[in-house]
Protein backbone atom coordinates (compact mmCIF):
# COMPACT_ATOMS: atom_id res chain seq x y z
CA MET A 1 112.28 126.16 117.32
CA PRO A 2 115.55 124.22 117.11
CA LYS A 3 115.27 120.55 118.04
CA HIS A 4 117.74 120.67 120.94
CA ILE A 5 115.77 123.49 122.60
CA LYS A 6 112.52 121.50 122.24
CA ASN A 7 114.23 118.44 123.77
CA LEU A 8 115.52 120.51 126.69
CA LEU A 9 112.07 122.02 127.28
CA THR A 10 110.43 118.59 127.18
CA HIS A 11 113.01 117.26 129.64
CA LYS A 12 112.32 120.14 132.04
CA LEU A 13 108.58 119.55 131.77
CA THR A 14 109.11 115.89 132.68
CA ILE A 15 111.09 116.90 135.76
CA LEU A 16 108.37 119.40 136.67
CA ALA A 17 105.69 116.72 136.21
CA ILE A 18 107.59 114.36 138.51
CA LEU A 19 108.00 117.10 141.13
CA ILE A 20 104.29 117.95 140.98
CA THR A 21 103.41 114.26 141.35
CA ILE A 22 105.64 113.97 144.42
CA SER A 23 104.28 117.23 145.84
CA ILE A 24 100.68 116.06 145.57
CA ALA A 25 101.56 112.83 147.38
CA THR A 26 103.43 114.71 150.09
CA VAL A 27 100.69 117.27 150.71
CA SER A 28 98.06 114.54 150.62
CA LEU A 29 99.78 112.34 153.20
CA ILE A 30 101.27 114.77 155.72
CA LYS A 31 99.39 116.24 158.65
CA LEU A 32 98.27 119.76 157.85
CA GLY A 33 97.12 122.33 160.38
CA LYS A 34 93.58 123.63 160.50
CA ALA A 35 92.70 126.31 157.96
CA PRO A 36 92.22 129.72 159.60
CA VAL A 37 89.05 130.28 157.58
CA LYS A 38 86.63 127.43 156.89
CA ILE A 39 85.08 127.54 153.40
CA ASN A 40 82.65 124.74 152.61
CA HIS A 41 83.94 122.31 149.99
CA LEU A 42 87.04 124.38 149.25
CA ASP A 43 89.12 121.20 149.43
CA LYS A 44 87.21 119.76 146.44
CA PHE A 45 88.26 122.76 144.32
CA GLU A 46 91.82 122.28 145.56
CA HIS A 47 91.69 118.62 144.51
CA ALA A 48 90.30 119.50 141.07
CA PHE A 49 92.92 122.22 140.57
CA ALA A 50 95.82 120.00 141.67
CA TYR A 51 94.81 117.18 139.33
CA PHE A 52 94.12 119.65 136.51
CA ILE A 53 97.72 120.88 136.82
CA LEU A 54 99.07 117.33 137.22
CA THR A 55 97.31 116.07 134.10
CA THR A 56 98.13 119.13 131.99
CA ILE A 57 101.83 118.97 132.82
CA TRP A 58 102.04 115.22 132.14
CA LEU A 59 100.18 115.61 128.83
CA ARG A 60 102.57 118.39 127.78
CA ALA A 61 105.69 116.59 129.03
CA LEU A 62 104.88 113.37 127.18
CA LYS A 63 103.46 115.06 124.07
CA THR A 64 106.30 113.97 121.81
CA THR A 65 106.33 110.37 123.00
CA LYS A 66 104.25 107.47 121.76
CA ILE A 67 102.41 107.28 125.08
CA SER A 68 98.67 107.63 124.56
CA ASN A 69 96.92 110.62 126.10
CA TYR A 70 94.25 108.23 127.33
CA PHE A 71 96.92 106.25 129.17
CA ILE A 72 98.25 109.43 130.80
CA VAL A 73 94.73 110.36 131.90
CA PHE A 74 94.16 106.85 133.23
CA CYS A 75 97.44 107.00 135.19
CA CYS A 76 96.48 110.36 136.75
CA PHE A 77 93.07 108.94 137.69
CA PHE A 78 94.63 105.78 139.15
CA TYR A 79 97.20 107.88 141.01
CA GLY A 80 94.38 109.87 142.63
CA ILE A 81 92.71 106.67 143.78
CA ILE A 82 95.98 105.32 145.18
CA ILE A 83 96.53 108.55 147.15
CA GLU A 84 93.01 108.34 148.63
CA VAL A 85 93.56 104.69 149.61
CA LEU A 86 96.92 105.56 151.18
CA GLN A 87 95.30 108.35 153.19
CA THR A 88 92.95 105.78 154.69
CA THR A 89 95.44 102.95 155.19
CA VAL A 90 98.81 104.48 156.11
CA THR A 91 97.87 107.68 157.93
CA THR A 92 95.96 108.19 161.14
CA HIS A 93 95.26 111.87 160.52
CA ARG A 94 93.84 111.75 156.97
CA SER A 95 90.95 109.88 155.41
CA GLY A 96 90.28 109.03 151.80
CA GLU A 97 86.95 110.23 150.46
CA PHE A 98 84.87 109.23 147.46
CA TRP A 99 84.12 112.90 146.70
CA ASP A 100 87.84 113.65 146.60
CA VAL A 101 88.18 111.03 143.84
CA VAL A 102 85.28 112.71 142.03
CA ALA A 103 86.96 116.13 142.38
CA ASN A 104 90.28 114.68 141.17
CA SER A 105 88.50 113.15 138.19
CA MET A 106 86.82 116.45 137.32
CA GLY A 107 90.20 118.20 137.28
CA ILE A 108 91.62 115.44 135.08
CA LEU A 109 88.66 115.57 132.70
CA ILE A 110 88.79 119.35 132.37
CA ALA A 111 92.54 119.21 131.69
CA PHE A 112 92.05 116.53 129.04
CA ILE A 113 89.28 118.50 127.31
CA ILE A 114 91.25 121.75 127.33
CA TYR A 115 94.41 120.00 126.16
CA ASN A 116 92.63 118.30 123.27
CA SER A 117 90.77 121.42 122.21
CA PHE A 118 93.64 123.89 122.55
CA PHE A 119 97.12 122.37 122.61
CA LYS A 120 96.55 119.70 120.00
CA LYS A 121 95.23 122.26 117.50
CA ASN A 122 98.18 124.57 118.08
CA LYS A 123 101.18 122.41 117.20
CA ALA A 124 103.58 125.31 117.79
CA ILE A 125 102.77 125.47 121.52
C-alpha cells in the first residue's frame, strides 16, 4: 500500500480513537434513562466491550509510532479508573464501581491479547 494512503488511514484511526475516548467519557458521565429491560450484569459486558474497542483502536492508531503497546494499555486502564472516580466525584446520578474497573480491565486485556496474537503477526493489516 502506498505510504501516503497508510499515513491517511493512520490519521483517521487517531481521530476515531479520540472520538471513541470522548464518547466513552460522555456516556459515562451523563444521566441515562432506565433500561426498558433489566439484564443482570449487562453493564459489565458493556464496559468490557467499550474498553476492548477503545484499546484496539488506540493500538492500531499508534501502531507505527514509537509508543509502547504497554503504555497504551496502561493509559486505557488509567483512563477507566479516572472515569470511575469522576462518576463518584463530579456527578450526583452516577457512581464509580470497583467491578466496572475490573470489567474495563478485562476488555483491555482481551484487546491486548488479540492484538498481539493477530495484528502483530499480520504486518499487512
